[in-house]
Amino acid sequence: MSHPWMPASPCGDGCVSRDSDRAGMFRVGLRYARLTATMSVLPVLPAAGVLPVRWRRRVQRGYARAMLRALGLRLSVRDERGPDPAETGRGVLAVAGHVSWLDVLALSAVEPGDFVARADLLGWPLLGWVAHRMRVLPIDRDRLRDLPGVVDEAAERLRTGTRVVVFPEGTTWCGRAYGRLRPALFQSAIDAGAVVAPIGLHYLRPDGRTETGVCFVGEQSLVATLRRIVRLREVRIEVRLVPVQEPGDDRRELAARCERLLRGGEIDDLVARMLPMPTPLAS
């Protein structure tokens, strides 16, 4: 049963791009073939759980990149942060906006970690079985009373030096509009003394405009979204690594600080993409 604090998004089918360039039949067929081959490896991925953390993360990163390539998506990284904060031995709470189930692949391809994900994911065919064995931390937004337990479990993993990845908006948006970063899960970083790593995610067309054809909003199904993504001609996923933040002692202030860092950069990017290219000066 829902509650007054249940995250909600106004985004729906009307947000999905109608003018996206479409891939040709040959390219779409090739993507499906690559996707089938890559998915065939999925059942053996949980075996990586017996590996040391460093090797387990390499497997997670490599598989995510293979999935993105199979879907025809390009990945680029803007590193404004420098050295990986996980190398200090401290836990890292990575926070990002939420547009699509592709977000998990994009973040895993750059900075793998233990994801806090919707609880019903564990009930999905095959993917749920893999998620359970890959240490996904489930959260049921309908059950508010369970939230403190999720925060405690995330804090416990952070104390061991693990990277935990969360989507504080609590639900998906289209990429042109955004939700607030809700503060609850930021408490885990405060409790564990972990650093917080804000990460910006943008799905872009070749001309730099936002591509909403990848979003997973409204009443859309996973299969319908997958079919739409495979048919898009060219999409670039831009991952922006923002300087890490010390947790402080106020989760609301911490959430607001990370939101300013992410949204400020995203607004600057949007303005830059809307401006015409400068005309070269005559020599």
C-alpha atoms as a PDB file:
ATOM      1  CA  MET A   1       0.000   0.000   0.000  1.00  0.00           C
ATOM      2  CA  SER A   2       1.397   3.430  -0.930  1.00  0.00           C
ATOM      3  CA  HIS A   3       2.068   6.211   1.594  1.00  0.00           C
ATOM      4  CA  PRO A   4       2.275  10.030   1.409  1.00  0.00           C
ATOM      5  CA  TRP A   5       6.089   9.885   1.057  1.00  0.00           C
ATOM      6  CA  MET A   6       5.998   7.427  -1.850  1.00  0.00           C
ATOM      7  CA  PRO A   7       8.288   8.741  -4.649  1.00  0.00           C
ATOM      8  CA  ALA A   8       6.298   9.606  -7.756  1.00  0.00           C
ATOM      9  CA  SER A   9       7.225  10.903 -11.185  1.00  0.00           C
ATOM     10  CA  PRO A  10       4.957  12.760 -13.624  1.00  0.00           C
ATOM     11  CA  CYS A  11       6.937  11.324 -16.561  1.00  0.00           C
ATOM     12  CA  GLY A  12       5.097   8.927 -18.841  1.00  0.00           C
ATOM     13  CA  ASP A  13       4.656   7.889 -22.469  1.00  0.00           C
ATOM     14  CA  GLY A  14       4.350  11.528 -23.505  1.00  0.00           C
ATOM     15  CA  CYS A  15       7.989  12.094 -22.510  1.00  0.00           C
ATOM     16  CA  VAL A  16       9.342   9.532 -24.969  1.00  0.00           C
ATOM     17  CA  SER A  17      11.006  11.039 -28.041  1.00  0.00           C
ATOM     18  CA  ARG A  18       8.968  10.679 -31.229  1.00  0.00           C
ATOM     19  CA  ASP A  19      11.573  12.093 -33.593  1.00  0.00           C
ATOM     20  CA  SER A  20      14.522   9.824 -32.750  1.00  0.00           C
ATOM     21  CA  ASP A  21      16.604   8.494 -35.642  1.00  0.00           C
ATOM     22  CA  ARG A  22      15.990   4.796 -36.187  1.00  0.00           C
ATOM     23  CA  ALA A  23      18.549   2.111 -36.911  1.00  0.00           C
ATOM     24  CA  GLY A  24      18.238   0.021 -40.061  1.00  0.00           C
ATOM     25  CA  MET A  25      16.936  -3.538 -40.032  1.00  0.00           C
ATOM     26  CA  PHE A  26      20.392  -5.070 -40.443  1.00  0.00           C
ATOM     27  CA  ARG A  27      21.793  -3.123 -37.492  1.00  0.00           C
ATOM     28  CA  VAL A  28      18.780  -3.996 -35.326  1.00  0.00           C
ATOM     29  CA  GLY A  29      19.124  -7.690 -36.195  1.00  0.00           C
ATOM     30  CA  LEU A  30      22.825  -7.627 -35.378  1.00  0.00           C
ATOM     31  CA  ARG A  31      22.106  -6.033 -32.015  1.00  0.00           C
ATOM     32  CA  TYR A  32      19.566  -8.707 -31.145  1.00  0.00           C
ATOM     33  CA  ALA A  33      22.080 -11.400 -32.080  1.00  0.00           C
ATOM     34  CA  ARG A  34      24.775  -9.816 -29.908  1.00  0.00           C
ATOM     35  CA  LEU A  35      22.321  -9.315 -27.080  1.00  0.00           C
ATOM     36  CA  THR A  36      21.266 -12.966 -27.191  1.00  0.00           C
ATOM     37  CA  ALA A  37      24.889 -14.096 -27.101  1.00  0.00           C
ATOM     38  CA  THR A  38      25.720 -11.779 -24.205  1.00  0.00           C
ATOM     39  CA  MET A  39      22.624 -12.768 -22.236  1.00  0.00           C
ATOM     40  CA  SER A  40      23.552 -16.438 -22.600  1.00  0.00           C
ATOM     41  CA  VAL A  41      26.464 -15.800 -20.235  1.00  0.00           C
ATOM     42  CA  LEU A  42      24.195 -14.303 -17.566  1.00  0.00           C
ATOM     43  CA  PRO A  43      23.514 -17.541 -15.617  1.00  0.00           C
ATOM     44  CA  VAL A  44      27.228 -18.051 -14.887  1.00  0.00           C
ATOM     45  CA  LEU A  45      27.829 -14.525 -13.581  1.00  0.00           C
ATOM     46  CA  PRO A  46      26.961 -15.365  -9.954  1.00  0.00           C
ATOM     47  CA  ALA A  47      29.998 -17.669  -9.935  1.00  0.00           C
ATOM     48  CA  ALA A  48      32.063 -14.480  -9.820  1.00  0.00           C
ATOM     49  CA  GLY A  49      30.815 -14.039  -6.265  1.00  0.00           C
ATOM     50  CA  VAL A  50      33.527 -16.395  -5.003  1.00  0.00           C
ATOM     51  CA  LEU A  51      36.264 -14.174  -6.453  1.00  0.00           C
ATOM     52  CA  PRO A  52      38.065 -11.444  -4.503  1.00  0.00           C
ATOM     53  CA  VAL A  53      36.237  -8.109  -4.620  1.00  0.00           C
ATOM     54  CA  ARG A  54      38.658  -6.542  -7.113  1.00  0.00           C
ATOM     55  CA  TRP A  55      38.204  -9.392  -9.600  1.00  0.00           C
ATOM     56  CA  ARG A  56      34.459  -9.548  -8.997  1.00  0.00           C
ATOM     57  CA  ARG A  57      34.189  -5.865  -9.904  1.00  0.00           C
ATOM     58  CA  ARG A  58      36.209  -6.444 -13.089  1.00  0.00           C
ATOM     59  CA  VAL A  59      33.770  -9.144 -14.164  1.00  0.00           C
ATOM     60  CA  GLN A  60      30.826  -6.863 -13.357  1.00  0.00           C
ATOM     61  CA  ARG A  61      32.380  -3.980 -15.308  1.00  0.00           C
ATOM     62  CA  GLY A  62      33.294  -6.135 -18.313  1.00  0.00           C
ATOM     63  CA  TYR A  63      29.846  -7.690 -18.572  1.00  0.00           C
ATOM     64  CA  ALA A  64      28.089  -4.330 -18.291  1.00  0.00           C
ATOM     65  CA  ARG A  65      30.238  -2.906 -21.089  1.00  0.00           C
ATOM     66  CA  ALA A  66      29.498  -5.932 -23.266  1.00  0.00           C
ATOM     67  CA  MET A  67      25.759  -5.439 -22.715  1.00  0.00           C
ATOM     68  CA  LEU A  68      25.960  -1.758 -23.658  1.00  0.00           C
ATOM     69  CA  ARG A  69      27.869  -2.623 -26.847  1.00  0.00           C
ATOM     70  CA  ALA A  70      25.302  -5.284 -27.709  1.00  0.00           C
ATOM     71  CA  LEU A  71      22.522  -2.704 -27.349  1.00  0.00           C
ATOM     72  CA  GLY A  72      24.383  -0.312 -29.646  1.00  0.00           C
ATOM     73  CA  LEU A  73      25.070   2.266 -26.916  1.00  0.00           C
ATOM     74  CA  ARG A  74      28.326   4.227 -26.637  1.00  0.00           C
ATOM     75  CA  LEU A  75      29.814   5.157 -23.287  1.00  0.00           C
ATOM     76  CA  SER A  76      31.860   8.227 -22.432  1.00  0.00           C
ATOM     77  CA  VAL A  77      33.165   9.387 -19.052  1.00  0.00           C
ATOM     78  CA  ARG A  78      33.816  12.923 -17.838  1.00  0.00           C
ATOM     79  CA  ASP A  79      36.060  12.545 -14.815  1.00  0.00           C
ATOM     80  CA  GLU A  80      35.994  15.704 -12.708  1.00  0.00           C
ATOM     81  CA  ARG A  81      36.952  13.795  -9.602  1.00  0.00           C
ATOM     82  CA  GLY A  82      40.375  12.301 -10.049  1.00  0.00           C
ATOM     83  CA  PRO A  83      41.525   9.126  -8.249  1.00  0.00           C
ATOM     84  CA  ASP A  84      38.947   6.512  -7.343  1.00  0.00           C
ATOM     85  CA  PRO A  85      37.910   7.232  -3.708  1.00  0.00           C
ATOM     86  CA  ALA A  86      37.512   3.494  -3.076  1.00  0.00           C
ATOM     87  CA  GLU A  87      41.301   3.159  -3.271  1.00  0.00           C
ATOM     88  CA  THR A  88      41.546   4.904   0.119  1.00  0.00           C
ATOM     89  CA  GLY A  89      39.842   1.924   1.736  1.00  0.00           C
ATOM     90  CA  ARG A  90      36.777   3.917   2.783  1.00  0.00           C
ATOM     91  CA  GLY A  91      33.304   2.933   1.732  1.00  0.00           C
ATOM     92  CA  VAL A  92      31.769   4.923  -1.119  1.00  0.00           C
ATOM     93  CA  LEU A  93      28.088   5.766  -1.451  1.00  0.00           C
ATOM     94  CA  ALA A  94      27.566   6.494  -5.162  1.00  0.00           C
ATOM     95  CA  VAL A  95      24.391   8.481  -5.910  1.00  0.00           C
ATOM     96  CA  ALA A  96      22.858   9.151  -9.320  1.00  0.00           C
ATOM     97  CA  GLY A  97      19.650  10.261 -10.965  1.00  0.00           C
ATOM     98  CA  HIS A  98      17.347   7.560 -12.307  1.00  0.00           C
ATOM     99  CA  VAL A  99      16.142   7.380 -15.921  1.00  0.00           C
ATOM    100  CA  SER A 100      16.117   3.724 -16.939  1.00  0.00           C
ATOM    101  CA  TRP A 101      17.172   0.213 -16.030  1.00  0.00           C
ATOM    102  CA  LEU A 102      20.108   1.085 -18.310  1.00  0.00           C
ATOM    103  CA  ASP A 103      21.456   3.193 -15.423  1.00  0.00           C
ATOM    104  CA  VAL A 104      22.598   0.019 -13.665  1.00  0.00           C
ATOM    105  CA  LEU A 105      24.561  -1.081 -16.737  1.00  0.00           C
ATOM    106  CA  ALA A 106      26.062   2.381 -17.274  1.00  0.00           C
ATOM    107  CA  LEU A 107      27.219   2.718 -13.672  1.00  0.00           C
ATOM    108  CA  SER A 108      28.463  -0.877 -13.516  1.00  0.00           C
ATOM    109  CA  ALA A 109      30.489  -0.246 -16.658  1.00  0.00           C
ATOM    110  CA  VAL A 110      32.318   2.607 -14.922  1.00  0.00           C
ATOM    111  CA  GLU A 111      32.169   2.011 -11.155  1.00  0.00           C
ATOM    112  CA  PRO A 112      30.662  -1.354 -10.176  1.00  0.00           C
ATOM    113  CA  GLY A 113      29.200  -1.752  -6.724  1.00  0.00           C
ATOM    114  CA  ASP A 114      26.365  -3.224  -4.678  1.00  0.00           C
ATOM    115  CA  PHE A 115      23.134  -1.675  -5.938  1.00  0.00           C
ATOM    116  CA  VAL A 116      20.125  -0.702  -3.860  1.00  0.00           C
ATOM    117  CA  ALA A 117      17.335  -1.678  -6.245  1.00  0.00           C
ATOM    118  CA  ARG A 118      13.571  -2.109  -6.311  1.00  0.00           C
ATOM    119  CA  ALA A 119      12.521  -5.204  -4.406  1.00  0.00           C
ATOM    120  CA  ASP A 120      10.359  -6.604  -7.206  1.00  0.00           C
ATOM    121  CA  LEU A 121      13.518  -6.971  -9.310  1.00  0.00           C
ATOM    122  CA  LEU A 122      14.266 -10.114  -7.312  1.00  0.00           C
ATOM    123  CA  GLY A 123      11.091 -11.641  -8.713  1.00  0.00           C
ATOM    124  CA  TRP A 124      11.960 -11.031 -12.373  1.00  0.00           C
ATOM    125  CA  PRO A 125      12.775 -14.150 -14.429  1.00  0.00           C
ATOM    126  CA  LEU A 126      16.519 -14.890 -14.544  1.00  0.00           C
ATOM    127  CA  LEU A 127      17.502 -11.283 -13.749  1.00  0.00           C
ATOM    128  CA  GLY A 128      16.084 -11.657 -10.251  1.00  0.00           C
ATOM    129  CA  TRP A 129      18.059 -14.834  -9.672  1.00  0.00           C
ATOM    130  CA  VAL A 130      21.251 -13.112 -10.782  1.00  0.00           C
ATOM    131  CA  ALA A 131      20.485  -9.956  -8.767  1.00  0.00           C
ATOM    132  CA  HIS A 132      20.057 -11.994  -5.607  1.00  0.00           C
ATOM    133  CA  ARG A 133      23.445 -13.649  -6.054  1.00  0.00           C
ATOM    134  CA  MET A 134      25.183 -10.409  -7.028  1.00  0.00           C
ATOM    135  CA  ARG A 135      24.363  -8.912  -3.617  1.00  0.00           C
ATOM    136  CA  VAL A 136      21.673  -6.468  -4.750  1.00  0.00           C
ATOM    137  CA  LEU A 137      20.135  -4.761  -1.714  1.00  0.00           C
ATOM    138  CA  PRO A 138      16.352  -4.687  -2.264  1.00  0.00           C
ATOM    139  CA  ILE A 139      14.179  -1.750  -1.220  1.00  0.00           C
ATOM    140  CA  ASP A 140      10.380  -1.738  -1.243  1.00  0.00           C
ATOM    141  CA  ARG A 141       9.212   1.877  -1.444  1.00  0.00           C
ATOM    142  CA  ASP A 142       5.680   0.762  -0.515  1.00  0.00           C
ATOM    143  CA  ARG A 143       6.901  -0.442   2.891  1.00  0.00           C
ATOM    144  CA  LEU A 144       8.194   2.672   4.629  1.00  0.00           C
ATOM    145  CA  ARG A 145       8.819   0.796   7.875  1.00  0.00           C
ATOM    146  CA  ASP A 146      11.452  -1.348   6.125  1.00  0.00           C
ATOM    147  CA  LEU A 147      13.544   1.676   5.118  1.00  0.00           C
ATOM    148  CA  PRO A 148      15.636   1.895   8.341  1.00  0.00           C
ATOM    149  CA  GLY A 149      16.715  -1.715   7.820  1.00  0.00           C
ATOM    150  CA  VAL A 150      17.864  -0.949   4.280  1.00  0.00           C
ATOM    151  CA  VAL A 151      19.816   2.069   5.546  1.00  0.00           C
ATOM    152  CA  ASP A 152      21.451  -0.071   8.243  1.00  0.00           C
ATOM    153  CA  GLU A 153      22.425  -2.784   5.751  1.00  0.00           C
ATOM    154  CA  ALA A 154      23.865  -0.197   3.344  1.00  0.00           C
ATOM    155  CA  ALA A 155      25.876   1.335   6.223  1.00  0.00           C
ATOM    156  CA  GLU A 156      27.204  -2.082   7.200  1.00  0.00           C
ATOM    157  CA  ARG A 157      28.447  -2.720   3.670  1.00  0.00           C
ATOM    158  CA  LEU A 158      30.007   0.746   3.526  1.00  0.00           C
ATOM    159  CA  ARG A 159      31.906   0.059   6.750  1.00  0.00           C
ATOM    160  CA  THR A 160      33.642  -2.855   5.009  1.00  0.00           C
ATOM    161  CA  GLY A 161      34.912  -0.526   2.258  1.00  0.00           C
ATOM    162  CA  THR A 162      32.248  -1.555  -0.265  1.00  0.00           C
ATOM    163  CA  ARG A 163      30.882   0.792  -2.920  1.00  0.00           C
ATOM    164  CA  VAL A 164      27.091   0.985  -2.589  1.00  0.00           C
ATOM    165  CA  VAL A 165      25.117   2.554  -5.448  1.00  0.00           C
ATOM    166  CA  VAL A 166      21.727   4.197  -4.865  1.00  0.00           C
ATOM    167  CA  PHE A 167      19.169   6.197  -6.857  1.00  0.00           C
ATOM    168  CA  PRO A 168      17.856   8.675  -4.272  1.00  0.00           C
ATOM    169  CA  GLU A 169      15.058   9.994  -6.510  1.00  0.00           C
ATOM    170  CA  GLY A 170      13.305   6.728  -5.701  1.00  0.00           C
ATOM    171  CA  THR A 171      11.764   6.340  -9.151  1.00  0.00           C
ATOM    172  CA  THR A 172      12.580   6.961 -12.807  1.00  0.00           C
ATOM    173  CA  TRP A 173      12.304  10.261 -14.680  1.00  0.00           C
ATOM    174  CA  CYS A 174      12.636  10.998 -18.402  1.00  0.00           C
ATOM    175  CA  GLY A 175      16.032  12.743 -18.319  1.00  0.00           C
ATOM    176  CA  ARG A 176      14.682  16.171 -19.228  1.00  0.00           C
ATOM    177  CA  ALA A 177      12.951  16.487 -15.859  1.00  0.00           C
ATOM    178  CA  TYR A 178      14.367  15.417 -12.496  1.00  0.00           C
ATOM    179  CA  GLY A 179      13.180  14.551  -9.020  1.00  0.00           C
ATOM    180  CA  ARG A 180      14.601  15.523  -5.643  1.00  0.00           C
ATOM    181  CA  LEU A 181      17.412  13.478  -4.144  1.00  0.00           C
ATOM    182  CA  ARG A 182      15.622  12.150  -1.078  1.00  0.00           C
ATOM    183  CA  PRO A 183      17.809  12.152   2.018  1.00  0.00           C
ATOM    184  CA  ALA A 184      16.989   8.814   3.686  1.00  0.00           C
ATOM    185  CA  LEU A 185      19.708   6.660   2.126  1.00  0.00           C
ATOM    186  CA  PHE A 186      22.338   9.363   2.624  1.00  0.00           C
ATOM    187  CA  GLN A 187      22.134   8.484   6.310  1.00  0.00           C
ATOM    188  CA  SER A 188      24.033   5.274   5.586  1.00  0.00           C
ATOM    189  CA  ALA A 189      27.117   7.291   4.552  1.00  0.00           C
ATOM    190  CA  ILE A 190      26.893   9.389   7.725  1.00  0.00           C
ATOM    191  CA  ASP A 191      26.547   6.299   9.938  1.00  0.00           C
ATOM    192  CA  ALA A 192      29.481   4.558   8.227  1.00  0.00           C
ATOM    193  CA  GLY A 193      31.735   7.595   7.793  1.00  0.00           C
ATOM    194  CA  ALA A 194      31.793   6.880   4.055  1.00  0.00           C
ATOM    195  CA  VAL A 195      32.387   9.409   1.297  1.00  0.00           C
ATOM    196  CA  VAL A 196      29.618  10.223  -1.165  1.00  0.00           C
ATOM    197  CA  ALA A 197      30.276  10.171  -4.905  1.00  0.00           C
ATOM    198  CA  PRO A 198      27.620  11.997  -6.970  1.00  0.00           C
ATOM    199  CA  ILE A 199      27.433  10.732 -10.567  1.00  0.00           C
ATOM    200  CA  GLY A 200      25.639  12.444 -13.435  1.00  0.00           C
ATOM    201  CA  LEU A 201      24.027  10.335 -16.161  1.00  0.00           C
ATOM    202  CA  HIS A 202      23.020  11.738 -19.563  1.00  0.00           C
ATOM    203  CA  TYR A 203      21.594   9.866 -22.561  1.00  0.00           C
ATOM    204  CA  LEU A 204      22.435  11.934 -25.628  1.00  0.00           C
ATOM    205  CA  ARG A 205      21.814  12.059 -29.356  1.00  0.00           C
ATOM    206  CA  PRO A 206      24.699  12.759 -31.737  1.00  0.00           C
ATOM    207  CA  ASP A 207      23.811  16.469 -31.698  1.00  0.00           C
ATOM    208  CA  GLY A 208      24.040  16.595 -27.900  1.00  0.00           C
ATOM    209  CA  ARG A 209      20.302  16.744 -27.174  1.00  0.00           C
ATOM    210  CA  THR A 210      18.777  14.508 -24.518  1.00  0.00           C
ATOM    211  CA  GLU A 211      17.437  11.198 -25.859  1.00  0.00           C
ATOM    212  CA  THR A 212      14.330  10.213 -23.883  1.00  0.00           C
ATOM    213  CA  GLY A 213      13.739   7.103 -25.962  1.00  0.00           C
ATOM    214  CA  VAL A 214      15.734   5.136 -23.384  1.00  0.00           C
ATOM    215  CA  CYS A 215      13.637   6.130 -20.362  1.00  0.00           C
ATOM    216  CA  PHE A 216      11.653   3.571 -18.340  1.00  0.00           C
ATOM    217  CA  VAL A 217       8.655   5.536 -17.103  1.00  0.00           C
ATOM    218  CA  GLY A 218       4.911   5.258 -16.681  1.00  0.00           C
ATOM    219  CA  GLU A 219       3.336   1.877 -17.377  1.00  0.00           C
ATOM    220  CA  GLN A 220       5.995   0.733 -19.846  1.00  0.00           C
ATOM    221  CA  SER A 221       7.274  -2.827 -19.645  1.00  0.00           C
ATOM    222  CA  LEU A 222      10.897  -3.903 -19.630  1.00  0.00           C
ATOM    223  CA  VAL A 223      10.460  -5.693 -22.966  1.00  0.00           C
ATOM    224  CA  ALA A 224       8.814  -2.682 -24.651  1.00  0.00           C
ATOM    225  CA  THR A 225      11.608  -0.391 -23.483  1.00  0.00           C
ATOM    226  CA  LEU A 226      14.250  -2.867 -24.659  1.00  0.00           C
ATOM    227  CA  ARG A 227      12.716  -3.022 -28.135  1.00  0.00           C
ATOM    228  CA  ARG A 228      12.650   0.760 -28.375  1.00  0.00           C
ATOM    229  CA  ILE A 229      16.280   1.092 -27.265  1.00  0.00           C
ATOM    230  CA  VAL A 230      17.532  -1.483 -29.770  1.00  0.00           C
ATOM    231  CA  ARG A 231      15.843   0.447 -32.581  1.00  0.00           C
ATOM    232  CA  LEU A 232      17.506   3.772 -31.760  1.00  0.00           C
ATOM    233  CA  ARG A 233      20.189   4.614 -34.282  1.00  0.00           C
ATOM    234  CA  GLU A 234      22.813   6.159 -32.008  1.00  0.00           C
ATOM    235  CA  VAL A 235      22.838   6.999 -28.305  1.00  0.00           C
ATOM    236  CA  ARG A 236      25.788   8.083 -26.205  1.00  0.00           C
ATOM    237  CA  ILE A 237      25.728   7.613 -22.440  1.00  0.00           C
ATOM    238  CA  GLU A 238      27.724  10.326 -20.730  1.00  0.00           C
ATOM    239  CA  VAL A 239      28.784   9.503 -17.177  1.00  0.00           C
ATOM    240  CA  ARG A 240      29.965  12.530 -15.195  1.00  0.00           C
ATOM    241  CA  LEU A 241      32.043  11.810 -12.085  1.00  0.00           C
ATOM    242  CA  VAL A 242      31.616  14.714  -9.662  1.00  0.00           C
ATOM    243  CA  PRO A 243      34.102  15.441  -6.831  1.00  0.00           C
ATOM    244  CA  VAL A 244      33.387  13.280  -3.783  1.00  0.00           C
ATOM    245  CA  GLN A 245      31.783  14.765  -0.678  1.00  0.00           C
ATOM    246  CA  GLU A 246      32.429  14.185   2.997  1.00  0.00           C
ATOM    247  CA  PRO A 247      29.223  13.025   4.677  1.00  0.00           C
ATOM    248  CA  GLY A 248      28.962  15.572   7.491  1.00  0.00           C
ATOM    249  CA  ASP A 249      26.241  14.927  10.061  1.00  0.00           C
ATOM    250  CA  ASP A 250      23.018  16.098   8.365  1.00  0.00           C
ATOM    251  CA  ARG A 251      21.547  13.862   5.669  1.00  0.00           C
ATOM    252  CA  ARG A 252      19.259  16.605   4.340  1.00  0.00           C
ATOM    253  CA  GLU A 253      22.143  19.005   3.907  1.00  0.00           C
ATOM    254  CA  LEU A 254      24.217  16.228   2.308  1.00  0.00           C
ATOM    255  CA  ALA A 255      21.436  15.354  -0.150  1.00  0.00           C
ATOM    256  CA  ALA A 256      20.936  19.023  -1.038  1.00  0.00           C
ATOM    257  CA  ARG A 257      24.683  19.494  -1.528  1.00  0.00           C
ATOM    258  CA  CYS A 258      24.896  16.543  -3.923  1.00  0.00           C
ATOM    259  CA  GLU A 259      21.786  17.712  -5.765  1.00  0.00           C
ATOM    260  CA  ARG A 260      23.319  21.150  -6.338  1.00  0.00           C
ATOM    261  CA  LEU A 261      26.493  19.565  -7.704  1.00  0.00           C
ATOM    262  CA  LEU A 262      24.599  17.303 -10.094  1.00  0.00           C
ATOM    263  CA  ARG A 263      21.827  19.640 -11.213  1.00  0.00           C
ATOM    264  CA  GLY A 264      24.120  22.635 -11.539  1.00  0.00           C
ATOM    265  CA  GLY A 265      26.365  20.697 -13.908  1.00  0.00           C
ATOM    266  CA  GLU A 266      23.393  19.296 -15.801  1.00  0.00           C
ATOM    267  CA  ILE A 267      21.867  22.758 -16.253  1.00  0.00           C
ATOM    268  CA  ASP A 268      25.214  24.124 -17.466  1.00  0.00           C
ATOM    269  CA  ASP A 269      25.464  21.210 -19.924  1.00  0.00           C
ATOM    270  CA  LEU A 270      21.931  21.840 -21.185  1.00  0.00           C
ATOM    271  CA  VAL A 271      22.593  25.536 -21.779  1.00  0.00           C
ATOM    272  CA  ALA A 272      25.872  24.762 -23.564  1.00  0.00           C
ATOM    273  CA  ARG A 273      24.137  22.291 -25.885  1.00  0.00           C
ATOM    274  CA  MET A 274      21.427  24.822 -26.751  1.00  0.00           C
ATOM    275  CA  LEU A 275      23.894  27.566 -27.696  1.00  0.00           C
ATOM    276  CA  PRO A 276      25.110  27.722 -31.310  1.00  0.00           C
ATOM    277  CA  MET A 277      28.692  26.803 -32.035  1.00  0.00           C
ATOM    278  CA  PRO A 278      30.949  29.906 -32.119  1.00  0.00           C
ATOM    279  CA  THR A 279      31.941  31.196 -35.545  1.00  0.00           C
ATOM    280  CA  PRO A 280      35.733  31.004 -36.084  1.00  0.00           C
ATOM    281  CA  LEU A 281      37.477  34.376 -36.299  1.00  0.00           C
ATOM    282  CA  ALA A 282      38.832  35.330 -39.667  1.00  0.00           C
ATOM    283  CA  SER A 283      42.610  35.072 -39.874  1.00  0.00           C
END
